[in-house]
Amino acid sequence: MDIFIQYIKVFAVGGALCAVGQLLIDKTKLTPARILTCFVVAGVILSGIGLYKPLADWAGAGASVPLTGFGNILAEGVEKAVHADGFLGAFTGGFTASAAGISAAVFFGIIIALIFKPKEKK
């Protein structure tokens, strides 16, 4: 029963974040790129004020997988690097913390691009 409750929490939080994104697409003139940026910045801000970590701990992948979770990873990486390396950590921490995810996205993007051929819109 515990796993079922966890699935419900993940689905509810992830779905709520997606619903906010869909509302922004439908009801505003924001471009998808601006919405993406807003979500990442919101994750950084919520992490900076200490609100995102408890949400991510409670909701698991529902909060850590969406774009706000990427912002959270960046903020946590910068915070750790600043404590370890000082001012230079503000520039390197986000890259270090998110390197595995970015590398995986690039790798799988290349694999998919090699397997599938784009088609022209008709």
N, C-alpha and C. Protein backbone atom coordinates (compact mmCIF):
# COMPACT_ATOMS: atom_id res chain seq x y z
N MET A 1 0.81 -1.20 0.00
CA MET A 1 0.00 0.00 0.00
C MET A 1 0.86 1.27 0.00
N ASP A 2 2.04 1.20 0.60
CA ASP A 2 2.91 2.37 0.65
C ASP A 2 3.36 2.80 -0.74
N ILE A 3 3.63 1.84 -1.60
CA ILE A 3 4.08 2.17 -2.94
C ILE A 3 2.95 2.83 -3.73
N PHE A 4 1.72 2.42 -3.48
CA PHE A 4 0.58 3.03 -4.15
C PHE A 4 0.45 4.50 -3.75
N ILE A 5 0.62 4.79 -2.48
CA ILE A 5 0.55 6.17 -1.98
C ILE A 5 1.67 7.00 -2.62
N GLN A 6 2.86 6.42 -2.73
CA GLN A 6 3.98 7.14 -3.35
C GLN A 6 3.67 7.45 -4.81
N TYR A 7 3.09 6.52 -5.52
CA TYR A 7 2.71 6.76 -6.92
C TYR A 7 1.69 7.90 -7.02
N ILE A 8 0.75 7.93 -6.12
CA ILE A 8 -0.26 8.99 -6.11
C ILE A 8 0.40 10.35 -5.89
N LYS A 9 1.34 10.42 -4.93
CA LYS A 9 2.04 11.68 -4.66
C LYS A 9 2.85 12.13 -5.88
N VAL A 10 3.58 11.20 -6.48
CA VAL A 10 4.39 11.53 -7.65
C VAL A 10 3.50 12.03 -8.79
N PHE A 11 2.43 11.32 -9.04
CA PHE A 11 1.52 11.70 -10.12
C PHE A 11 0.87 13.05 -9.85
N ALA A 12 0.45 13.28 -8.62
CA ALA A 12 -0.24 14.54 -8.27
C ALA A 12 0.69 15.74 -8.43
N VAL A 13 1.90 15.64 -7.91
CA VAL A 13 2.82 16.78 -7.97
C VAL A 13 3.32 16.98 -9.39
N GLY A 14 3.76 15.91 -10.05
CA GLY A 14 4.20 16.04 -11.44
C GLY A 14 3.09 16.52 -12.35
N GLY A 15 1.89 16.00 -12.14
CA GLY A 15 0.74 16.43 -12.93
C GLY A 15 0.38 17.89 -12.68
N ALA A 16 0.49 18.33 -11.43
CA ALA A 16 0.20 19.73 -11.12
C ALA A 16 1.21 20.66 -11.81
N LEU A 17 2.48 20.28 -11.79
CA LEU A 17 3.49 21.09 -12.48
C LEU A 17 3.23 21.13 -13.98
N CYS A 18 2.86 20.01 -14.56
CA CYS A 18 2.54 19.97 -15.99
C CYS A 18 1.28 20.78 -16.29
N ALA A 19 0.31 20.74 -15.40
CA ALA A 19 -0.92 21.51 -15.60
C ALA A 19 -0.63 23.01 -15.58
N VAL A 20 0.26 23.44 -14.69
CA VAL A 20 0.66 24.85 -14.66
C VAL A 20 1.31 25.23 -15.99
N GLY A 21 2.19 24.38 -16.48
CA GLY A 21 2.82 24.64 -17.77
C GLY A 21 1.80 24.72 -18.90
N GLN A 22 0.84 23.81 -18.89
CA GLN A 22 -0.19 23.82 -19.94
C GLN A 22 -1.05 25.07 -19.85
N LEU A 23 -1.37 25.49 -18.64
CA LEU A 23 -2.14 26.73 -18.48
C LEU A 23 -1.35 27.93 -19.00
N LEU A 24 -0.05 27.95 -18.73
CA LEU A 24 0.77 29.05 -19.23
C LEU A 24 0.81 29.05 -20.76
N ILE A 25 0.85 27.88 -21.36
CA ILE A 25 0.84 27.80 -22.83
C ILE A 25 -0.50 28.27 -23.38
N ASP A 26 -1.59 27.82 -22.77
CA ASP A 26 -2.93 28.12 -23.28
C ASP A 26 -3.39 29.54 -23.01
N LYS A 27 -3.07 30.09 -21.85
CA LYS A 27 -3.66 31.36 -21.41
C LYS A 27 -2.74 32.57 -21.52
N THR A 28 -1.47 32.37 -21.85
CA THR A 28 -0.56 33.51 -21.98
C THR A 28 0.07 33.50 -23.36
N LYS A 29 0.79 34.54 -23.65
CA LYS A 29 1.50 34.63 -24.93
C LYS A 29 2.97 34.25 -24.75
N LEU A 30 3.30 33.60 -23.64
CA LEU A 30 4.67 33.17 -23.41
C LEU A 30 5.04 32.05 -24.38
N THR A 31 6.24 32.10 -24.89
CA THR A 31 6.72 31.03 -25.76
C THR A 31 7.13 29.83 -24.91
N PRO A 32 7.18 28.64 -25.49
CA PRO A 32 7.62 27.48 -24.73
C PRO A 32 9.02 27.66 -24.11
N ALA A 33 9.91 28.34 -24.83
CA ALA A 33 11.26 28.56 -24.29
C ALA A 33 11.21 29.44 -23.04
N ARG A 34 10.35 30.43 -23.02
CA ARG A 34 10.23 31.30 -21.84
C ARG A 34 9.59 30.55 -20.68
N ILE A 35 8.64 29.70 -20.98
CA ILE A 35 8.01 28.89 -19.93
C ILE A 35 9.03 27.93 -19.34
N LEU A 36 9.84 27.30 -20.19
CA LEU A 36 10.90 26.41 -19.72
C LEU A 36 11.83 27.18 -18.78
N THR A 37 12.24 28.36 -19.19
CA THR A 37 13.13 29.17 -18.37
C THR A 37 12.48 29.55 -17.05
N CYS A 38 11.20 29.90 -17.09
CA CYS A 38 10.48 30.25 -15.86
C CYS A 38 10.45 29.07 -14.88
N PHE A 39 10.24 27.87 -15.39
CA PHE A 39 10.21 26.70 -14.53
C PHE A 39 11.57 26.44 -13.88
N VAL A 40 12.64 26.56 -14.66
CA VAL A 40 13.97 26.33 -14.10
C VAL A 40 14.29 27.40 -13.06
N VAL A 41 14.00 28.66 -13.36
CA VAL A 41 14.26 29.75 -12.40
C VAL A 41 13.39 29.58 -11.15
N ALA A 42 12.15 29.15 -11.32
CA ALA A 42 11.29 28.90 -10.16
C ALA A 42 11.89 27.81 -9.27
N GLY A 43 12.45 26.77 -9.88
CA GLY A 43 13.11 25.72 -9.10
C GLY A 43 14.30 26.24 -8.33
N VAL A 44 15.08 27.12 -8.97
CA VAL A 44 16.24 27.72 -8.29
C VAL A 44 15.77 28.59 -7.11
N ILE A 45 14.77 29.42 -7.35
CA ILE A 45 14.28 30.31 -6.29
C ILE A 45 13.69 29.52 -5.13
N LEU A 46 12.84 28.54 -5.44
CA LEU A 46 12.23 27.73 -4.38
C LEU A 46 13.29 26.95 -3.61
N SER A 47 14.32 26.51 -4.28
CA SER A 47 15.42 25.82 -3.60
C SER A 47 16.20 26.79 -2.73
N GLY A 48 16.43 28.00 -3.24
CA GLY A 48 17.18 29.00 -2.50
C GLY A 48 16.50 29.42 -1.21
N ILE A 49 15.18 29.45 -1.20
CA ILE A 49 14.47 29.84 0.03
C ILE A 49 14.07 28.64 0.88
N GLY A 50 14.50 27.46 0.45
CA GLY A 50 14.32 26.26 1.27
C GLY A 50 12.99 25.55 1.14
N LEU A 51 12.22 25.84 0.11
CA LEU A 51 10.92 25.21 -0.05
C LEU A 51 10.93 23.98 -0.95
N TYR A 52 11.90 23.91 -1.87
CA TYR A 52 11.84 22.82 -2.85
C TYR A 52 12.32 21.49 -2.30
N LYS A 53 13.31 21.49 -1.43
CA LYS A 53 13.85 20.24 -0.88
C LYS A 53 12.76 19.44 -0.15
N PRO A 54 11.98 20.07 0.75
CA PRO A 54 10.90 19.29 1.39
C PRO A 54 9.87 18.74 0.40
N LEU A 55 9.56 19.52 -0.64
CA LEU A 55 8.63 19.04 -1.65
C LEU A 55 9.22 17.85 -2.40
N ALA A 56 10.49 17.94 -2.78
CA ALA A 56 11.15 16.84 -3.50
C ALA A 56 11.28 15.60 -2.62
N ASP A 57 11.54 15.79 -1.34
CA ASP A 57 11.61 14.64 -0.43
C ASP A 57 10.24 13.97 -0.30
N TRP A 58 9.18 14.76 -0.28
CA TRP A 58 7.84 14.21 -0.10
C TRP A 58 7.32 13.59 -1.40
N ALA A 59 7.53 14.28 -2.54
CA ALA A 59 6.92 13.84 -3.80
C ALA A 59 7.85 13.00 -4.66
N GLY A 60 9.11 12.89 -4.32
CA GLY A 60 10.04 12.07 -5.10
C GLY A 60 10.18 12.55 -6.52
N ALA A 61 10.04 11.63 -7.47
CA ALA A 61 10.24 11.93 -8.89
C ALA A 61 9.22 12.94 -9.42
N GLY A 62 8.09 13.09 -8.77
CA GLY A 62 7.10 14.07 -9.21
C GLY A 62 7.61 15.49 -9.12
N ALA A 63 8.59 15.71 -8.24
CA ALA A 63 9.19 17.03 -8.11
C ALA A 63 10.61 17.09 -8.63
N SER A 64 11.31 15.97 -8.65
CA SER A 64 12.72 16.01 -9.06
C SER A 64 12.93 15.85 -10.56
N VAL A 65 11.99 15.26 -11.27
CA VAL A 65 12.15 15.04 -12.71
C VAL A 65 11.77 16.25 -13.56
N PRO A 66 10.70 17.00 -13.24
CA PRO A 66 10.35 18.14 -14.10
C PRO A 66 11.43 19.23 -14.09
N LEU A 67 11.22 20.25 -14.90
CA LEU A 67 12.20 21.33 -15.04
C LEU A 67 12.49 22.05 -13.74
N THR A 68 11.52 22.14 -12.86
CA THR A 68 11.78 22.76 -11.56
C THR A 68 12.80 21.95 -10.77
N GLY A 69 12.81 20.65 -10.96
CA GLY A 69 13.81 19.80 -10.33
C GLY A 69 15.20 20.08 -10.86
N PHE A 70 15.31 20.42 -12.15
CA PHE A 70 16.60 20.79 -12.72
C PHE A 70 17.10 22.08 -12.07
N GLY A 71 16.21 23.03 -11.87
CA GLY A 71 16.59 24.26 -11.18
C GLY A 71 17.05 23.98 -9.76
N ASN A 72 16.39 23.06 -9.10
CA ASN A 72 16.77 22.66 -7.74
C ASN A 72 18.17 22.05 -7.73
N ILE A 73 18.45 21.18 -8.69
CA ILE A 73 19.79 20.57 -8.79
C ILE A 73 20.86 21.64 -8.99
N LEU A 74 20.58 22.60 -9.86
CA LEU A 74 21.54 23.68 -10.10
C LEU A 74 21.82 24.46 -8.82
N ALA A 75 20.75 24.81 -8.10
CA ALA A 75 20.92 25.60 -6.88
C ALA A 75 21.68 24.81 -5.81
N GLU A 76 21.34 23.54 -5.65
CA GLU A 76 22.06 22.72 -4.66
C GLU A 76 23.53 22.57 -5.03
N GLY A 77 23.83 22.39 -6.32
CA GLY A 77 25.21 22.26 -6.77
C GLY A 77 26.01 23.52 -6.52
N VAL A 78 25.40 24.66 -6.79
CA VAL A 78 26.08 25.94 -6.54
C VAL A 78 26.33 26.13 -5.06
N GLU A 79 25.33 25.81 -4.25
CA GLU A 79 25.48 25.97 -2.79
C GLU A 79 26.64 25.12 -2.26
N LYS A 80 26.70 23.86 -2.66
CA LYS A 80 27.78 22.98 -2.21
C LYS A 80 29.14 23.47 -2.70
N ALA A 81 29.21 23.89 -3.96
CA ALA A 81 30.49 24.32 -4.53
C ALA A 81 30.96 25.63 -3.90
N VAL A 82 30.05 26.52 -3.57
CA VAL A 82 30.45 27.78 -2.91
C VAL A 82 31.03 27.48 -1.54
N HIS A 83 30.42 26.55 -0.82
CA HIS A 83 30.97 26.18 0.50
C HIS A 83 32.34 25.53 0.37
N ALA A 84 32.54 24.75 -0.70
CA ALA A 84 33.81 24.05 -0.87
C ALA A 84 34.89 24.90 -1.54
N ASP A 85 34.51 25.68 -2.56
CA ASP A 85 35.50 26.37 -3.38
C ASP A 85 35.43 27.89 -3.29
N GLY A 86 34.51 28.42 -2.54
CA GLY A 86 34.38 29.87 -2.45
C GLY A 86 33.66 30.43 -3.66
N PHE A 87 34.04 31.65 -4.02
CA PHE A 87 33.36 32.39 -5.09
C PHE A 87 33.37 31.63 -6.42
N LEU A 88 34.44 30.95 -6.74
CA LEU A 88 34.52 30.20 -8.00
C LEU A 88 33.44 29.12 -8.09
N GLY A 89 33.02 28.59 -6.95
CA GLY A 89 31.97 27.57 -6.93
C GLY A 89 30.64 28.05 -7.47
N ALA A 90 30.41 29.37 -7.43
CA ALA A 90 29.16 29.93 -7.98
C ALA A 90 29.08 29.71 -9.48
N PHE A 91 30.23 29.58 -10.12
CA PHE A 91 30.26 29.39 -11.57
C PHE A 91 30.38 27.92 -11.98
N THR A 92 30.91 27.08 -11.10
CA THR A 92 31.16 25.69 -11.48
C THR A 92 30.18 24.70 -10.86
N GLY A 93 29.56 25.05 -9.76
CA GLY A 93 28.71 24.11 -9.02
C GLY A 93 27.52 23.58 -9.78
N GLY A 94 26.84 24.45 -10.53
CA GLY A 94 25.68 24.01 -11.28
C GLY A 94 26.04 23.02 -12.36
N PHE A 95 27.18 23.24 -13.02
CA PHE A 95 27.62 22.32 -14.08
C PHE A 95 28.00 20.97 -13.49
N THR A 96 28.68 21.00 -12.36
CA THR A 96 29.10 19.75 -11.73
C THR A 96 27.90 18.93 -11.28
N ALA A 97 26.93 19.59 -10.67
CA ALA A 97 25.77 18.88 -10.14
C ALA A 97 24.88 18.30 -11.24
N SER A 98 24.80 18.99 -12.35
CA SER A 98 23.88 18.56 -13.40
C SER A 98 24.57 17.85 -14.56
N ALA A 99 25.86 17.58 -14.44
CA ALA A 99 26.62 17.01 -15.55
C ALA A 99 26.08 15.66 -16.02
N ALA A 100 25.71 14.79 -15.11
CA ALA A 100 25.22 13.47 -15.50
C ALA A 100 23.92 13.57 -16.30
N GLY A 101 23.00 14.39 -15.85
CA GLY A 101 21.73 14.55 -16.55
C GLY A 101 21.89 15.18 -17.92
N ILE A 102 22.73 16.20 -18.00
CA ILE A 102 22.96 16.86 -19.28
C ILE A 102 23.66 15.91 -20.25
N SER A 103 24.65 15.17 -19.75
CA SER A 103 25.36 14.20 -20.59
C SER A 103 24.42 13.13 -21.12
N ALA A 104 23.54 12.63 -20.26
CA ALA A 104 22.58 11.61 -20.69
C ALA A 104 21.64 12.17 -21.76
N ALA A 105 21.18 13.41 -21.58
CA ALA A 105 20.28 14.01 -22.57
C ALA A 105 20.97 14.16 -23.92
N VAL A 106 22.22 14.60 -23.91
CA VAL A 106 22.96 14.74 -25.17
C VAL A 106 23.19 13.38 -25.82
N PHE A 107 23.62 12.41 -25.02
CA PHE A 107 23.90 11.07 -25.54
C PHE A 107 22.65 10.45 -26.18
N PHE A 108 21.55 10.44 -25.44
CA PHE A 108 20.34 9.82 -25.97
C PHE A 108 19.75 10.63 -27.12
N GLY A 109 19.95 11.94 -27.12
CA GLY A 109 19.52 12.76 -28.26
C GLY A 109 20.25 12.38 -29.53
N ILE A 110 21.56 12.14 -29.41
CA ILE A 110 22.35 11.71 -30.57
C ILE A 110 21.89 10.34 -31.05
N ILE A 111 21.67 9.41 -30.13
CA ILE A 111 21.23 8.06 -30.51
C ILE A 111 19.89 8.12 -31.24
N ILE A 112 18.95 8.88 -30.71
CA ILE A 112 17.63 8.99 -31.35
C ILE A 112 17.76 9.66 -32.72
N ALA A 113 18.62 10.68 -32.83
CA ALA A 113 18.82 11.35 -34.12
C ALA A 113 19.41 10.41 -35.16
N LEU A 114 20.23 9.47 -34.72
CA LEU A 114 20.82 8.51 -35.66
C LEU A 114 19.83 7.44 -36.08
N ILE A 115 18.90 7.09 -35.20
CA ILE A 115 17.94 6.03 -35.50
C ILE A 115 16.79 6.53 -36.36
N PHE A 116 16.25 7.69 -36.04
CA PHE A 116 15.06 8.20 -36.73
C PHE A 116 15.42 9.32 -37.68
N LYS A 117 14.72 9.36 -38.79
CA LYS A 117 14.93 10.40 -39.79
C LYS A 117 13.78 11.40 -39.71
N PRO A 118 14.09 12.70 -39.75
CA PRO A 118 13.03 13.69 -39.71
C PRO A 118 12.21 13.69 -40.98
N LYS A 119 10.95 14.03 -40.86
CA LYS A 119 10.07 14.10 -42.01
C LYS A 119 9.61 15.54 -42.18
N GLU A 120 9.40 15.93 -43.42
CA GLU A 120 8.92 17.28 -43.68
C GLU A 120 7.44 17.38 -43.35
N LYS A 121 7.04 18.55 -42.85
CA LYS A 121 5.62 18.79 -42.58
C LYS A 121 4.91 19.00 -43.91
N LYS A 122 3.70 18.47 -43.99
CA LYS A 122 2.94 18.62 -45.22
C LYS A 122 1.79 19.58 -45.02
